[in-house]
C-alpha atoms as a PDB file:
ATOM      1  CA  MET A   1     -15.430 -24.955  -4.858  1.00  0.00           C
ATOM      2  CA  ILE A   2     -13.965 -25.956  -1.112  1.00  0.00           C
ATOM      3  CA  PHE A   3     -15.641 -24.212   1.609  1.00  0.00           C
ATOM      4  CA  ILE A   4     -13.252 -23.110   5.111  1.00  0.00           C
ATOM      5  CA  ARG A   5     -13.969 -21.487   8.296  1.00  0.00           C
ATOM      6  CA  LEU A   6     -11.646 -18.977   8.932  1.00  0.00           C
ATOM      7  CA  GLU A   7     -10.882 -18.454  12.258  1.00  0.00           C
ATOM      8  CA  ASN A   8      -9.880 -15.315  14.821  1.00  0.00           C
ATOM      9  CA  LEU A   9      -8.352 -13.579  11.675  1.00  0.00           C
ATOM     10  CA  THR A  10      -6.971  -9.859  12.604  1.00  0.00           C
ATOM     11  CA  ALA A  11      -8.105  -7.451   9.064  1.00  0.00           C
ATOM     12  CA  PHE A  12      -7.463  -3.864   8.430  1.00  0.00           C
ATOM     13  CA  PRO A  13     -10.351  -1.565   6.899  1.00  0.00           C
ATOM     14  CA  MET A  14      -8.972   2.272   6.553  1.00  0.00           C
ATOM     15  CA  HIS A  15     -11.039   4.739   6.490  1.00  0.00           C
ATOM     16  CA  ALA A  16     -11.214   7.910   5.209  1.00  0.00           C
ATOM     17  CA  PRO A  17     -12.465  10.460   8.200  1.00  0.00           C
ATOM     18  CA  LYS A  18     -15.565  11.168   8.192  1.00  0.00           C
ATOM     19  CA  TRP A  19     -16.504   7.643   7.776  1.00  0.00           C
ATOM     20  CA  ALA A  20     -14.395   6.071  10.902  1.00  0.00           C
ATOM     21  CA  VAL A  21     -17.055   7.436  13.151  1.00  0.00           C
ATOM     22  CA  ALA A  22     -19.778   4.049  10.848  1.00  0.00           C
ATOM     23  CA  SER A  23     -16.345   1.794  10.239  1.00  0.00           C
ATOM     24  CA  THR A  24     -18.811  -1.508  10.264  1.00  0.00           C
ATOM     25  CA  SER A  25     -21.050   0.116   8.369  1.00  0.00           C
ATOM     26  CA  GLY A  26     -20.016   0.021   4.372  1.00  0.00           C
ATOM     27  CA  ALA A  27     -21.699   3.398   3.101  1.00  0.00           C
ATOM     28  CA  GLY A  28     -18.547   4.889   1.585  1.00  0.00           C
ATOM     29  CA  ALA A  29     -18.808   1.889   0.138  1.00  0.00           C
ATOM     30  CA  ALA A  30     -21.899   2.125  -0.677  1.00  0.00           C
ATOM     31  CA  ARG A  31     -21.945   6.050  -1.707  1.00  0.00           C
ATOM     32  CA  HIS A  32     -19.458   5.545  -4.388  1.00  0.00           C
ATOM     33  CA  GLY A  33     -19.587   1.367  -5.461  1.00  0.00           C
ATOM     34  CA  GLY A  34     -16.411  -0.738  -5.606  1.00  0.00           C
ATOM     35  CA  ARG A  35     -15.372  -2.790  -7.654  1.00  0.00           C
ATOM     36  CA  ALA A  36     -17.185  -6.042  -5.124  1.00  0.00           C
ATOM     37  CA  ASN A  37     -20.168  -3.550  -4.923  1.00  0.00           C
ATOM     38  CA  LEU A  38     -22.583  -1.510  -6.898  1.00  0.00           C
ATOM     39  CA  PRO A  39     -23.209   1.823  -5.690  1.00  0.00           C
ATOM     40  CA  GLY A  40     -26.217   1.374  -2.903  1.00  0.00           C
ATOM     41  CA  ILE A  41     -25.154  -1.313  -1.804  1.00  0.00           C
ATOM     42  CA  ALA A  42     -22.678  -1.594   2.059  1.00  0.00           C
ATOM     43  CA  ALA A  43     -19.173  -3.439   2.144  1.00  0.00           C
ATOM     44  CA  VAL A  44     -16.376  -3.359   5.123  1.00  0.00           C
ATOM     45  CA  TYR A  45     -13.297  -3.634   2.668  1.00  0.00           C
ATOM     46  CA  LEU A  46     -10.511  -5.535   4.878  1.00  0.00           C
ATOM     47  CA  ALA A  47      -6.845  -6.308   4.088  1.00  0.00           C
ATOM     48  CA  LEU A  48      -5.289  -9.539   5.792  1.00  0.00           C
ATOM     49  CA  ASP A  49      -1.923  -6.796   6.717  1.00  0.00           C
ATOM     50  CA  VAL A  50      -1.711  -2.923   6.976  1.00  0.00           C
ATOM     51  CA  GLU A  51       0.363  -3.034   4.385  1.00  0.00           C
ATOM     52  CA  THR A  52      -2.328  -3.951   1.713  1.00  0.00           C
ATOM     53  CA  ALA A  53      -5.053  -1.941   2.906  1.00  0.00           C
ATOM     54  CA  VAL A  54      -3.174   1.023   2.627  1.00  0.00           C
ATOM     55  CA  LYS A  55      -2.147   0.759  -0.601  1.00  0.00           C
ATOM     56  CA  GLU A  56      -5.813  -0.480  -1.580  1.00  0.00           C
ATOM     57  CA  TYR A  57      -6.870   3.044   0.313  1.00  0.00           C
ATOM     58  CA  GLU A  58      -4.361   4.921  -1.924  1.00  0.00           C
ATOM     59  CA  GLN A  59      -6.268   4.293  -5.122  1.00  0.00           C
ATOM     60  CA  VAL A  60      -8.220   6.602  -4.182  1.00  0.00           C
ATOM     61  CA  SER A  61      -5.330   9.466  -4.543  1.00  0.00           C
ATOM     62  CA  SER A  62      -1.376   9.172  -5.811  1.00  0.00           C
ATOM     63  CA  LEU A  63      -0.804  10.867  -2.810  1.00  0.00           C
ATOM     64  CA  LEU A  64      -2.152   9.553   0.293  1.00  0.00           C
ATOM     65  CA  PRO A  65      -5.348  11.280   1.604  1.00  0.00           C
ATOM     66  CA  PRO A  66      -5.802  11.593   5.716  1.00  0.00           C
ATOM     67  CA  GLY A  67      -7.527   8.274   7.024  1.00  0.00           C
ATOM     68  CA  THR A  68      -8.506   6.255   9.584  1.00  0.00           C
ATOM     69  CA  LEU A  69      -6.700   2.476   9.864  1.00  0.00           C
ATOM     70  CA  ALA A  70      -8.186  -0.113  11.920  1.00  0.00           C
ATOM     71  CA  ASN A  71      -8.014  -3.051  12.685  1.00  0.00           C
ATOM     72  CA  TYR A  72     -11.091  -6.235  13.939  1.00  0.00           C
ATOM     73  CA  GLU A  73     -11.375  -9.720  14.500  1.00  0.00           C
ATOM     74  CA  VAL A  74     -13.116 -10.994  12.437  1.00  0.00           C
ATOM     75  CA  THR A  75     -14.940 -14.844  11.404  1.00  0.00           C
ATOM     76  CA  VAL A  76     -15.801 -15.482   8.172  1.00  0.00           C
ATOM     77  CA  ASP A  77     -18.052 -19.270   7.274  1.00  0.00           C
ATOM     78  CA  PRO A  78     -18.493 -19.961   4.974  1.00  0.00           C
ATOM     79  CA  VAL A  79     -15.397 -19.217   2.614  1.00  0.00           C
ATOM     80  CA  VAL A  80     -14.151 -20.241  -0.394  1.00  0.00           C
ATOM     81  CA  ASN A  81     -10.462 -21.547   0.009  1.00  0.00           C
ATOM     82  CA  PHE A  82      -8.713 -20.087  -2.717  1.00  0.00           C
ATOM     83  CA  ARG A  83      -5.135 -20.839  -1.719  1.00  0.00           C
ATOM     84  CA  ALA A  84      -5.334 -24.726  -2.237  1.00  0.00           C
ATOM     85  CA  ALA A  85      -6.031 -24.124  -5.715  1.00  0.00           C
ATOM     86  CA  LYS A  86      -2.896 -25.257  -8.316  1.00  0.00           C
ATOM     87  CA  PRO A  87      -1.353 -22.463  -9.661  1.00  0.00           C
ATOM     88  CA  CYS A  88      -2.212 -21.828 -13.870  1.00  0.00           C
ATOM     89  CA  THR A  89       0.989 -21.962 -15.495  1.00  0.00           C
ATOM     90  CA  SER A  90      -0.798 -20.884 -19.288  1.00  0.00           C
ATOM     91  CA  VAL A  91      -3.897 -19.472 -20.801  1.00  0.00           C
ATOM     92  CA  ARG A  92      -5.014 -19.997 -23.830  1.00  0.00           C
ATOM     93  CA  PHE A  93      -7.537 -17.727 -26.182  1.00  0.00           C
ATOM     94  CA  ARG A  94      -8.725 -18.520 -29.417  1.00  0.00           C
ATOM     95  CA  PHE A  95     -10.542 -15.727 -31.437  1.00  0.00           C
ATOM     96  CA  ALA A  96     -12.688 -16.354 -34.674  1.00  0.00           C
ATOM     97  CA  PRO A  97     -12.398 -13.940 -37.317  1.00  0.00           C
ATOM     98  CA  PRO A  98     -14.944 -11.284 -37.061  1.00  0.00           C
ATOM     99  CA  LYS A  99     -18.450 -12.709 -39.040  1.00  0.00           C
ATOM    100  CA  GLU A 100     -18.707 -10.649 -42.940  1.00  0.00           C
ATOM    101  CA  SER A 101     -21.675  -8.132 -42.553  1.00  0.00           C
ATOM    102  CA  ASN A 102     -23.695  -8.829 -45.877  1.00  0.00           C
ATOM    103  CA  THR A 103     -25.314  -5.371 -45.183  1.00  0.00           C
END
C-alpha cells in the first residue's frame, strides 16, 4: 500500500438542514449509519467536487430534499493512494459445486 499526504484540498459535504449547525460533528451519519460507518459512529462524508456531493445527498430521495452545501479546506495524512494502482482488466471467479448433504 502506498500512503500519501493530501494537503489543502477543497472538499464538499451536503447536510440536511437539521445538521447544518453541527456540520463537522458527524452526528447525522452516526444516527443512521452509512457506507463507511455503523450507527453510533460519527463520520463526515466529503466529496472532492460539488456534483458528487449533491449526487451522494440525492440518494436520500429521488427528489432532491433541501440541503446545505458547504466547503472545507482539508489536509489528510496518511491516506491510501488508489490513484497509483493499475486498473483491473479482468476478474475470474471459480465456484465450487455445492457439497451434497448426507442427511
